[in-house]
Amino acid sequence: MIPRKRPCWSTGEDMVRSFQYRNNMSGDRMAILAAVWQKELGHLFGHWELAGLKQGILYVRPKSAAATQELQLRSAGIVRSLNNYFDRAWVKGIKVAAR
């Protein structure tokens, strides 16, 4: 019988750090992303709500159909400006989230 390999976590902090390392994500990055989102969008901030981030794709919930179109037109520029605040390009694209 082969013994099971046990994780080498000793505390909850070690487990979270391991998860963040494997997913290349940290809480600091998410806080920075939320602040940068508001700064970069300016007056359009009220029309788009951040829904989440999964595998480099930023999911945004627009408030109207016009806001959806505007988001699709500006998405490449928004991604470029958001990635300027990080060491490596972190956000790969923007998609509209379902309501």
N, C-alpha and C. Protein backbone atom coordinates (compact mmCIF):
# COMPACT_ATOMS: atom_id res chain seq x y z
N MET A 1 0.84 -1.18 0.00
CA MET A 1 0.00 0.00 0.00
C MET A 1 0.89 1.25 0.00
N ILE A 2 0.59 2.17 -0.91
CA ILE A 2 1.37 3.39 -1.04
C ILE A 2 0.79 4.42 -0.07
N PRO A 3 1.64 5.03 0.76
CA PRO A 3 1.11 6.05 1.68
C PRO A 3 0.68 7.30 0.90
N ARG A 4 -0.38 7.92 1.38
CA ARG A 4 -0.85 9.15 0.75
C ARG A 4 0.08 10.31 1.06
N LYS A 5 0.28 11.12 0.08
CA LYS A 5 1.13 12.29 0.26
C LYS A 5 0.32 13.36 0.97
N ARG A 6 0.82 13.81 2.08
CA ARG A 6 0.12 14.83 2.85
C ARG A 6 0.60 16.22 2.44
N PRO A 7 -0.32 17.18 2.39
CA PRO A 7 0.13 18.54 2.09
C PRO A 7 1.06 19.05 3.19
N CYS A 8 1.99 19.89 2.82
CA CYS A 8 2.93 20.39 3.81
C CYS A 8 2.50 21.74 4.36
N TRP A 9 1.23 21.91 4.59
CA TRP A 9 0.74 23.13 5.21
C TRP A 9 0.73 22.95 6.72
N SER A 10 1.19 23.94 7.39
CA SER A 10 1.14 23.86 8.85
C SER A 10 0.12 24.83 9.41
N THR A 11 -0.20 25.87 8.65
CA THR A 11 -1.19 26.84 9.12
C THR A 11 -2.11 27.22 7.96
N GLY A 12 -3.19 27.89 8.29
CA GLY A 12 -4.10 28.39 7.26
C GLY A 12 -3.41 29.40 6.35
N GLU A 13 -2.51 30.16 6.92
CA GLU A 13 -1.77 31.15 6.14
C GLU A 13 -0.93 30.47 5.05
N ASP A 14 -0.30 29.33 5.40
CA ASP A 14 0.48 28.59 4.41
C ASP A 14 -0.40 28.09 3.29
N MET A 15 -1.60 27.63 3.63
CA MET A 15 -2.52 27.11 2.63
C MET A 15 -2.94 28.22 1.66
N VAL A 16 -3.29 29.39 2.20
CA VAL A 16 -3.70 30.53 1.37
C VAL A 16 -2.55 30.98 0.49
N ARG A 17 -1.36 31.06 1.04
CA ARG A 17 -0.19 31.47 0.27
C ARG A 17 0.07 30.49 -0.88
N SER A 18 -0.08 29.19 -0.62
CA SER A 18 0.10 28.19 -1.66
C SER A 18 -0.94 28.35 -2.77
N PHE A 19 -2.18 28.57 -2.38
CA PHE A 19 -3.25 28.77 -3.36
C PHE A 19 -2.98 30.01 -4.21
N GLN A 20 -2.57 31.10 -3.57
CA GLN A 20 -2.29 32.33 -4.29
C GLN A 20 -1.12 32.14 -5.25
N TYR A 21 -0.13 31.39 -4.85
CA TYR A 21 1.03 31.15 -5.72
C TYR A 21 0.63 30.34 -6.94
N ARG A 22 -0.16 29.29 -6.73
CA ARG A 22 -0.56 28.44 -7.85
C ARG A 22 -1.48 29.18 -8.83
N ASN A 23 -2.30 30.06 -8.33
CA ASN A 23 -3.23 30.78 -9.19
C ASN A 23 -2.70 32.13 -9.63
N ASN A 24 -1.47 32.47 -9.21
CA ASN A 24 -0.84 33.74 -9.57
C ASN A 24 -1.75 34.91 -9.23
N MET A 25 -2.25 34.90 -8.01
CA MET A 25 -3.22 35.91 -7.61
C MET A 25 -2.96 36.26 -6.15
N SER A 26 -3.18 37.49 -5.81
CA SER A 26 -3.08 37.88 -4.41
C SER A 26 -4.19 38.86 -4.10
N GLY A 27 -4.50 38.98 -2.83
CA GLY A 27 -5.54 39.90 -2.41
C GLY A 27 -5.18 41.35 -2.74
N ASP A 28 -3.89 41.64 -2.69
CA ASP A 28 -3.44 42.99 -3.02
C ASP A 28 -3.77 43.34 -4.47
N ARG A 29 -3.59 42.39 -5.36
CA ARG A 29 -3.88 42.64 -6.77
C ARG A 29 -5.36 42.93 -6.99
N MET A 30 -6.22 42.22 -6.29
CA MET A 30 -7.66 42.44 -6.44
C MET A 30 -8.05 43.81 -5.92
N ALA A 31 -7.47 44.23 -4.80
CA ALA A 31 -7.75 45.56 -4.26
C ALA A 31 -7.26 46.64 -5.22
N ILE A 32 -6.08 46.44 -5.77
CA ILE A 32 -5.54 47.40 -6.73
C ILE A 32 -6.42 47.45 -7.97
N LEU A 33 -6.87 46.28 -8.43
CA LEU A 33 -7.72 46.23 -9.62
C LEU A 33 -9.02 47.01 -9.41
N ALA A 34 -9.63 46.86 -8.25
CA ALA A 34 -10.87 47.58 -7.97
C ALA A 34 -10.64 49.09 -7.95
N ALA A 35 -9.55 49.54 -7.36
CA ALA A 35 -9.24 50.97 -7.32
C ALA A 35 -8.89 51.51 -8.70
N VAL A 36 -8.11 50.75 -9.44
CA VAL A 36 -7.69 51.18 -10.78
C VAL A 36 -8.89 51.21 -11.72
N TRP A 37 -9.79 50.25 -11.56
CA TRP A 37 -11.01 50.20 -12.37
C TRP A 37 -11.76 51.51 -12.27
N GLN A 38 -11.95 51.99 -11.05
CA GLN A 38 -12.67 53.25 -10.84
C GLN A 38 -11.88 54.43 -11.40
N LYS A 39 -10.58 54.44 -11.20
CA LYS A 39 -9.75 55.56 -11.67
C LYS A 39 -9.71 55.64 -13.19
N GLU A 40 -9.52 54.51 -13.84
CA GLU A 40 -9.37 54.49 -15.30
C GLU A 40 -10.68 54.78 -16.03
N LEU A 41 -11.81 54.38 -15.47
CA LEU A 41 -13.07 54.56 -16.17
C LEU A 41 -13.69 55.94 -16.01
N GLY A 42 -13.33 56.61 -14.95
CA GLY A 42 -13.87 57.96 -14.74
C GLY A 42 -15.38 57.97 -14.65
N HIS A 43 -16.04 58.74 -15.51
CA HIS A 43 -17.50 58.89 -15.44
C HIS A 43 -18.24 57.63 -15.89
N LEU A 44 -17.58 56.72 -16.59
CA LEU A 44 -18.23 55.47 -17.02
C LEU A 44 -18.28 54.44 -15.90
N PHE A 45 -17.62 54.70 -14.80
CA PHE A 45 -17.57 53.78 -13.68
C PHE A 45 -18.97 53.41 -13.18
N GLY A 46 -19.88 54.34 -13.19
CA GLY A 46 -21.24 54.09 -12.69
C GLY A 46 -22.06 53.20 -13.60
N HIS A 47 -21.64 53.01 -14.83
CA HIS A 47 -22.41 52.21 -15.78
C HIS A 47 -21.95 50.75 -15.86
N TRP A 48 -20.78 50.45 -15.31
CA TRP A 48 -20.24 49.09 -15.36
C TRP A 48 -19.84 48.66 -13.97
N GLU A 49 -20.24 47.46 -13.58
CA GLU A 49 -19.92 46.92 -12.26
C GLU A 49 -19.03 45.69 -12.43
N LEU A 50 -17.94 45.62 -11.67
CA LEU A 50 -17.07 44.45 -11.71
C LEU A 50 -17.81 43.27 -11.11
N ALA A 51 -17.88 42.16 -11.85
CA ALA A 51 -18.54 40.97 -11.35
C ALA A 51 -17.53 39.94 -10.86
N GLY A 52 -16.35 39.90 -11.46
CA GLY A 52 -15.34 38.95 -11.03
C GLY A 52 -14.22 38.80 -12.04
N LEU A 53 -13.27 37.95 -11.68
CA LEU A 53 -12.12 37.70 -12.53
C LEU A 53 -11.85 36.20 -12.49
N LYS A 54 -11.76 35.58 -13.66
CA LYS A 54 -11.50 34.15 -13.72
C LYS A 54 -10.56 33.87 -14.88
N GLN A 55 -9.41 33.30 -14.56
CA GLN A 55 -8.39 32.94 -15.54
C GLN A 55 -8.02 34.10 -16.46
N GLY A 56 -7.89 35.27 -15.89
CA GLY A 56 -7.46 36.44 -16.65
C GLY A 56 -8.57 37.17 -17.38
N ILE A 57 -9.78 36.66 -17.35
CA ILE A 57 -10.90 37.32 -18.01
C ILE A 57 -11.70 38.09 -16.95
N LEU A 58 -11.86 39.36 -17.18
CA LEU A 58 -12.59 40.23 -16.27
C LEU A 58 -14.06 40.25 -16.68
N TYR A 59 -14.93 39.88 -15.76
CA TYR A 59 -16.37 39.86 -16.03
C TYR A 59 -17.00 41.12 -15.47
N VAL A 60 -17.75 41.81 -16.34
CA VAL A 60 -18.33 43.10 -16.01
C VAL A 60 -19.83 43.04 -16.25
N ARG A 61 -20.58 43.64 -15.34
CA ARG A 61 -22.03 43.69 -15.45
C ARG A 61 -22.46 45.12 -15.86
N PRO A 62 -22.83 45.33 -17.12
CA PRO A 62 -23.27 46.66 -17.55
C PRO A 62 -24.69 46.95 -17.07
N LYS A 63 -25.02 48.23 -16.93
CA LYS A 63 -26.34 48.63 -16.44
C LYS A 63 -27.38 48.74 -17.55
N SER A 64 -26.94 48.87 -18.82
CA SER A 64 -27.89 49.01 -19.92
C SER A 64 -27.29 48.44 -21.20
N ALA A 65 -28.11 48.38 -22.24
CA ALA A 65 -27.64 47.88 -23.53
C ALA A 65 -26.60 48.82 -24.13
N ALA A 66 -26.79 50.11 -23.95
CA ALA A 66 -25.82 51.08 -24.46
C ALA A 66 -24.48 50.93 -23.75
N ALA A 67 -24.53 50.65 -22.45
CA ALA A 67 -23.29 50.44 -21.69
C ALA A 67 -22.59 49.16 -22.15
N THR A 68 -23.36 48.15 -22.55
CA THR A 68 -22.79 46.92 -23.07
C THR A 68 -22.02 47.18 -24.36
N GLN A 69 -22.63 47.94 -25.26
CA GLN A 69 -21.95 48.27 -26.52
C GLN A 69 -20.69 49.08 -26.28
N GLU A 70 -20.78 50.05 -25.40
CA GLU A 70 -19.62 50.88 -25.09
C GLU A 70 -18.49 50.04 -24.51
N LEU A 71 -18.84 49.09 -23.66
CA LEU A 71 -17.85 48.20 -23.07
C LEU A 71 -17.16 47.37 -24.14
N GLN A 72 -17.93 46.85 -25.07
CA GLN A 72 -17.35 46.04 -26.14
C GLN A 72 -16.41 46.86 -27.02
N LEU A 73 -16.76 48.11 -27.27
CA LEU A 73 -15.91 48.97 -28.10
C LEU A 73 -14.62 49.37 -27.39
N ARG A 74 -14.69 49.60 -26.10
CA ARG A 74 -13.53 50.08 -25.36
C ARG A 74 -12.73 49.00 -24.66
N SER A 75 -13.13 47.75 -24.76
CA SER A 75 -12.52 46.69 -23.94
C SER A 75 -11.00 46.56 -24.16
N ALA A 76 -10.53 46.63 -25.38
CA ALA A 76 -9.08 46.49 -25.64
C ALA A 76 -8.29 47.61 -24.96
N GLY A 77 -8.77 48.83 -25.06
CA GLY A 77 -8.09 49.96 -24.41
C GLY A 77 -8.14 49.87 -22.89
N ILE A 78 -9.25 49.39 -22.37
CA ILE A 78 -9.39 49.25 -20.92
C ILE A 78 -8.42 48.19 -20.40
N VAL A 79 -8.32 47.06 -21.10
CA VAL A 79 -7.40 46.00 -20.69
C VAL A 79 -5.97 46.52 -20.68
N ARG A 80 -5.60 47.23 -21.72
CA ARG A 80 -4.24 47.79 -21.81
C ARG A 80 -3.96 48.74 -20.65
N SER A 81 -4.91 49.63 -20.35
CA SER A 81 -4.69 50.60 -19.28
C SER A 81 -4.69 49.95 -17.90
N LEU A 82 -5.49 48.89 -17.70
CA LEU A 82 -5.48 48.20 -16.41
C LEU A 82 -4.16 47.46 -16.20
N ASN A 83 -3.63 46.85 -17.24
CA ASN A 83 -2.38 46.09 -17.12
C ASN A 83 -1.17 46.97 -16.89
N ASN A 84 -1.27 48.26 -17.15
CA ASN A 84 -0.15 49.18 -16.89
C ASN A 84 0.19 49.26 -15.41
N TYR A 85 -0.75 48.91 -14.54
CA TYR A 85 -0.55 49.03 -13.10
C TYR A 85 0.06 47.77 -12.48
N PHE A 86 0.28 46.73 -13.26
CA PHE A 86 0.82 45.47 -12.74
C PHE A 86 2.14 45.15 -13.42
N ASP A 87 2.95 44.30 -12.78
CA ASP A 87 4.26 43.91 -13.32
C ASP A 87 4.12 43.18 -14.65
N ARG A 88 3.19 42.23 -14.67
CA ARG A 88 2.94 41.45 -15.89
C ARG A 88 1.50 41.68 -16.33
N ALA A 89 1.23 41.46 -17.60
CA ALA A 89 -0.14 41.58 -18.09
C ALA A 89 -0.99 40.54 -17.38
N TRP A 90 -1.93 40.99 -16.60
CA TRP A 90 -2.72 40.12 -15.74
C TRP A 90 -4.11 39.91 -16.32
N VAL A 91 -4.72 40.97 -16.81
CA VAL A 91 -6.06 40.91 -17.39
C VAL A 91 -5.91 40.63 -18.88
N LYS A 92 -6.51 39.54 -19.35
CA LYS A 92 -6.39 39.15 -20.76
C LYS A 92 -7.54 39.68 -21.61
N GLY A 93 -8.69 39.87 -21.00
CA GLY A 93 -9.84 40.31 -21.77
C GLY A 93 -11.00 40.67 -20.87
N ILE A 94 -12.05 41.20 -21.48
CA ILE A 94 -13.26 41.59 -20.75
C ILE A 94 -14.45 40.92 -21.40
N LYS A 95 -15.30 40.35 -20.58
CA LYS A 95 -16.54 39.75 -21.07
C LYS A 95 -17.72 40.31 -20.28
N VAL A 96 -18.88 40.32 -20.91
CA VAL A 96 -20.09 40.78 -20.25
C VAL A 96 -20.62 39.63 -19.40
N ALA A 97 -20.90 39.92 -18.13
CA ALA A 97 -21.43 38.92 -17.22
C ALA A 97 -22.96 38.89 -17.32
N ALA A 98 -23.52 37.72 -17.15
CA ALA A 98 -24.98 37.58 -17.16
C ALA A 98 -25.54 38.18 -15.88
N ARG A 99 -26.72 38.67 -15.98
CA ARG A 99 -27.35 39.29 -14.80
C ARG A 99 -27.87 38.28 -13.86
